[in-house]
Amino acid sequence: MKVSIKILLTALIGIIAACSSAPDKLGNLDLKKWRGDRGGCNDVRKGLEGDFKSAEKELKGKFADTIGELLGRPDIHQLGERNTKFYVYYLEKGPQCENMQAKSNARKVLLKFNAVGLLSEITYQDRPL
């Protein structure tokens, strides 16, 4: 009886540990590479943009915390009106690599979260924020 309890506890701990770490892939998008390119400064995200676009449907409707776990901490986090918020991820190298507060024309993806924290819109832009 004691052995089966130990096996059950070990299995439970394994399941909890597996659930707590972010996955390495979402569709074809390599999340590990995405998270590793903070600010887009290594130009890795630029090559992942097509895979990101194909994963958009899987991302929409997820909570901000889940998106943060999947994609990593956003390069810029902005609060909008009516309790909306935006996560910005740079896709390419630019002035933000020297100073994250600098205005940058580098290509970026903006994730808009509604008032309850669900991802509602994904847009791409080149102009400074």
C-alpha atoms as a PDB file:
ATOM      1  CA  MET A   1       0.000   0.000   0.000  1.00  0.00           C
ATOM      2  CA  LYS A   2       2.842   2.442   0.874  1.00  0.00           C
ATOM      3  CA  VAL A   3       4.536   1.781  -2.462  1.00  0.00           C
ATOM      4  CA  SER A   4       1.391   2.652  -4.443  1.00  0.00           C
ATOM      5  CA  ILE A   5       1.001   5.935  -2.515  1.00  0.00           C
ATOM      6  CA  LYS A   6       4.624   6.829  -3.304  1.00  0.00           C
ATOM      7  CA  ILE A   7       4.063   6.030  -6.983  1.00  0.00           C
ATOM      8  CA  LEU A   8       0.873   8.098  -7.013  1.00  0.00           C
ATOM      9  CA  LEU A   9       2.592  11.067  -5.352  1.00  0.00           C
ATOM     10  CA  THR A  10       5.546  10.850  -7.733  1.00  0.00           C
ATOM     11  CA  ALA A  11       3.192  10.778 -10.714  1.00  0.00           C
ATOM     12  CA  LEU A  12       1.231  13.743  -9.339  1.00  0.00           C
ATOM     13  CA  ILE A  13       4.394  15.785  -8.831  1.00  0.00           C
ATOM     14  CA  GLY A  14       5.470  14.940 -12.382  1.00  0.00           C
ATOM     15  CA  ILE A  15       2.136  16.080 -13.789  1.00  0.00           C
ATOM     16  CA  ILE A  16       2.253  19.344 -11.842  1.00  0.00           C
ATOM     17  CA  ALA A  17       5.805  20.033 -12.999  1.00  0.00           C
ATOM     18  CA  ALA A  18       4.880  19.296 -16.617  1.00  0.00           C
ATOM     19  CA  CYS A  19       1.897  21.650 -16.473  1.00  0.00           C
ATOM     20  CA  SER A  20       3.849  24.547 -15.003  1.00  0.00           C
ATOM     21  CA  SER A  21       6.429  25.019 -17.758  1.00  0.00           C
ATOM     22  CA  ALA A  22       5.614  26.783 -20.989  1.00  0.00           C
ATOM     23  CA  PRO A  23       5.567  24.651 -24.144  1.00  0.00           C
ATOM     24  CA  ASP A  24       8.362  24.928 -26.688  1.00  0.00           C
ATOM     25  CA  LYS A  25       6.059  25.064 -29.732  1.00  0.00           C
ATOM     26  CA  LEU A  26       2.655  26.404 -30.715  1.00  0.00           C
ATOM     27  CA  GLY A  27       1.816  24.963 -34.107  1.00  0.00           C
ATOM     28  CA  ASN A  28       4.933  25.665 -36.161  1.00  0.00           C
ATOM     29  CA  LEU A  29       5.965  28.610 -33.979  1.00  0.00           C
ATOM     30  CA  ASP A  30       9.117  27.863 -31.992  1.00  0.00           C
ATOM     31  CA  LEU A  31       8.261  29.575 -28.711  1.00  0.00           C
ATOM     32  CA  LYS A  32      11.678  28.902 -27.217  1.00  0.00           C
ATOM     33  CA  LYS A  33      13.370  30.874 -30.020  1.00  0.00           C
ATOM     34  CA  TRP A  34      10.695  33.602 -29.778  1.00  0.00           C
ATOM     35  CA  ARG A  35      11.191  34.027 -26.029  1.00  0.00           C
ATOM     36  CA  GLY A  36      14.973  34.034 -26.473  1.00  0.00           C
ATOM     37  CA  ASP A  37      14.955  37.045 -28.829  1.00  0.00           C
ATOM     38  CA  ARG A  38      14.131  39.836 -26.379  1.00  0.00           C
ATOM     39  CA  GLY A  39      13.299  43.056 -28.238  1.00  0.00           C
ATOM     40  CA  GLY A  40      13.826  41.321 -31.590  1.00  0.00           C
ATOM     41  CA  CYS A  41      17.474  42.350 -31.265  1.00  0.00           C
ATOM     42  CA  ASN A  42      18.862  39.084 -32.665  1.00  0.00           C
ATOM     43  CA  ASP A  43      16.483  39.177 -35.681  1.00  0.00           C
ATOM     44  CA  VAL A  44      15.232  35.679 -34.781  1.00  0.00           C
ATOM     45  CA  ARG A  45      11.598  36.793 -34.463  1.00  0.00           C
ATOM     46  CA  LYS A  46      11.776  38.273 -37.964  1.00  0.00           C
ATOM     47  CA  GLY A  47      12.207  34.745 -39.327  1.00  0.00           C
ATOM     48  CA  LEU A  48       9.380  33.460 -37.109  1.00  0.00           C
ATOM     49  CA  GLU A  49       6.784  36.020 -38.257  1.00  0.00           C
ATOM     50  CA  GLY A  50       5.115  33.631 -40.733  1.00  0.00           C
ATOM     51  CA  ASP A  51       4.818  30.929 -38.070  1.00  0.00           C
ATOM     52  CA  PHE A  52       3.463  33.529 -35.639  1.00  0.00           C
ATOM     53  CA  LYS A  53       0.781  34.556 -38.142  1.00  0.00           C
ATOM     54  CA  SER A  54      -0.261  30.933 -38.587  1.00  0.00           C
ATOM     55  CA  ALA A  55      -0.586  30.554 -34.792  1.00  0.00           C
ATOM     56  CA  GLU A  56      -2.771  33.663 -34.333  1.00  0.00           C
ATOM     57  CA  LYS A  57      -6.026  31.687 -34.108  1.00  0.00           C
ATOM     58  CA  GLU A  58      -4.586  29.565 -31.293  1.00  0.00           C
ATOM     59  CA  LEU A  59      -3.475  32.685 -29.399  1.00  0.00           C
ATOM     60  CA  LYS A  60      -6.713  34.674 -29.649  1.00  0.00           C
ATOM     61  CA  GLY A  61      -9.029  34.237 -26.699  1.00  0.00           C
ATOM     62  CA  LYS A  62      -6.223  33.344 -24.275  1.00  0.00           C
ATOM     63  CA  PHE A  63      -5.656  35.341 -21.099  1.00  0.00           C
ATOM     64  CA  ALA A  64      -2.802  37.855 -20.840  1.00  0.00           C
ATOM     65  CA  ASP A  65      -0.986  35.711 -18.267  1.00  0.00           C
ATOM     66  CA  THR A  66      -1.105  32.699 -20.588  1.00  0.00           C
ATOM     67  CA  ILE A  67       0.216  34.786 -23.492  1.00  0.00           C
ATOM     68  CA  GLY A  68       3.018  36.031 -21.240  1.00  0.00           C
ATOM     69  CA  GLU A  69       3.961  32.457 -20.393  1.00  0.00           C
ATOM     70  CA  LEU A  70       3.870  31.372 -24.049  1.00  0.00           C
ATOM     71  CA  LEU A  71       5.601  34.346 -25.692  1.00  0.00           C
ATOM     72  CA  GLY A  72       7.627  35.598 -22.751  1.00  0.00           C
ATOM     73  CA  ARG A  73       7.509  38.993 -21.094  1.00  0.00           C
ATOM     74  CA  PRO A  74       6.383  41.625 -23.633  1.00  0.00           C
ATOM     75  CA  ASP A  75       8.942  44.152 -24.835  1.00  0.00           C
ATOM     76  CA  ILE A  76       6.424  46.916 -24.064  1.00  0.00           C
ATOM     77  CA  HIS A  77       3.318  46.685 -21.891  1.00  0.00           C
ATOM     78  CA  GLN A  78       0.812  49.528 -22.338  1.00  0.00           C
ATOM     79  CA  LEU A  79      -2.483  50.260 -20.644  1.00  0.00           C
ATOM     80  CA  GLY A  80      -5.311  51.571 -22.808  1.00  0.00           C
ATOM     81  CA  GLU A  81      -8.648  53.095 -22.060  1.00  0.00           C
ATOM     82  CA  ARG A  82     -11.496  51.101 -20.564  1.00  0.00           C
ATOM     83  CA  ASN A  83      -9.168  48.571 -18.940  1.00  0.00           C
ATOM     84  CA  THR A  84      -7.681  47.351 -22.201  1.00  0.00           C
ATOM     85  CA  LYS A  85      -3.998  46.580 -22.399  1.00  0.00           C
ATOM     86  CA  PHE A  86      -1.436  45.982 -25.094  1.00  0.00           C
ATOM     87  CA  TYR A  87       1.590  43.729 -25.302  1.00  0.00           C
ATOM     88  CA  VAL A  88       4.169  44.742 -27.890  1.00  0.00           C
ATOM     89  CA  TYR A  89       6.776  42.352 -29.256  1.00  0.00           C
ATOM     90  CA  TYR A  90       9.426  43.694 -31.643  1.00  0.00           C
ATOM     91  CA  LEU A  91      10.077  41.521 -34.677  1.00  0.00           C
ATOM     92  CA  GLU A  92      13.379  43.062 -35.778  1.00  0.00           C
ATOM     93  CA  LYS A  93      16.433  44.928 -34.577  1.00  0.00           C
ATOM     94  CA  GLY A  94      16.096  48.682 -34.063  1.00  0.00           C
ATOM     95  CA  PRO A  95      16.752  51.573 -31.654  1.00  0.00           C
ATOM     96  CA  GLN A  96      14.871  49.660 -28.942  1.00  0.00           C
ATOM     97  CA  CYS A  97      17.897  47.367 -28.653  1.00  0.00           C
ATOM     98  CA  GLU A  98      19.931  50.237 -27.193  1.00  0.00           C
ATOM     99  CA  ASN A  99      17.096  51.785 -25.167  1.00  0.00           C
ATOM    100  CA  MET A 100      13.703  50.068 -24.815  1.00  0.00           C
ATOM    101  CA  GLN A 101      12.018  53.479 -24.262  1.00  0.00           C
ATOM    102  CA  ALA A 102      13.349  54.857 -27.579  1.00  0.00           C
ATOM    103  CA  LYS A 103      10.846  55.388 -30.379  1.00  0.00           C
ATOM    104  CA  SER A 104      11.435  52.704 -32.970  1.00  0.00           C
ATOM    105  CA  ASN A 105      10.267  52.160 -36.542  1.00  0.00           C
ATOM    106  CA  ALA A 106      11.182  48.488 -36.205  1.00  0.00           C
ATOM    107  CA  ARG A 107       8.438  46.062 -37.210  1.00  0.00           C
ATOM    108  CA  LYS A 108       6.379  44.928 -34.228  1.00  0.00           C
ATOM    109  CA  VAL A 109       3.306  42.920 -33.341  1.00  0.00           C
ATOM    110  CA  LEU A 110       0.700  44.421 -30.993  1.00  0.00           C
ATOM    111  CA  LEU A 111      -1.552  42.178 -28.958  1.00  0.00           C
ATOM    112  CA  LYS A 112      -4.697  43.878 -27.637  1.00  0.00           C
ATOM    113  CA  PHE A 113      -6.421  42.458 -24.572  1.00  0.00           C
ATOM    114  CA  ASN A 114     -10.012  43.359 -23.708  1.00  0.00           C
ATOM    115  CA  ALA A 115     -11.226  44.482 -20.277  1.00  0.00           C
ATOM    116  CA  VAL A 116     -11.416  40.914 -18.939  1.00  0.00           C
ATOM    117  CA  GLY A 117      -7.858  40.155 -20.095  1.00  0.00           C
ATOM    118  CA  LEU A 118      -8.559  38.033 -23.187  1.00  0.00           C
ATOM    119  CA  LEU A 119      -6.508  38.517 -26.355  1.00  0.00           C
ATOM    120  CA  SER A 120      -8.944  40.084 -28.813  1.00  0.00           C
ATOM    121  CA  GLU A 121      -6.829  41.559 -31.602  1.00  0.00           C
ATOM    122  CA  ILE A 122      -3.402  41.088 -33.211  1.00  0.00           C
ATOM    123  CA  THR A 123      -1.958  43.784 -35.470  1.00  0.00           C
ATOM    124  CA  TYR A 124       1.406  44.500 -37.082  1.00  0.00           C
ATOM    125  CA  GLN A 125       2.989  47.925 -37.527  1.00  0.00           C
ATOM    126  CA  ASP A 126       6.201  49.699 -38.465  1.00  0.00           C
ATOM    127  CA  ARG A 127       5.525  53.151 -37.040  1.00  0.00           C
ATOM    128  CA  PRO A 128       6.730  54.214 -33.585  1.00  0.00           C
ATOM    129  CA  LEU A 129       4.377  53.863 -30.634  1.00  0.00           C
END
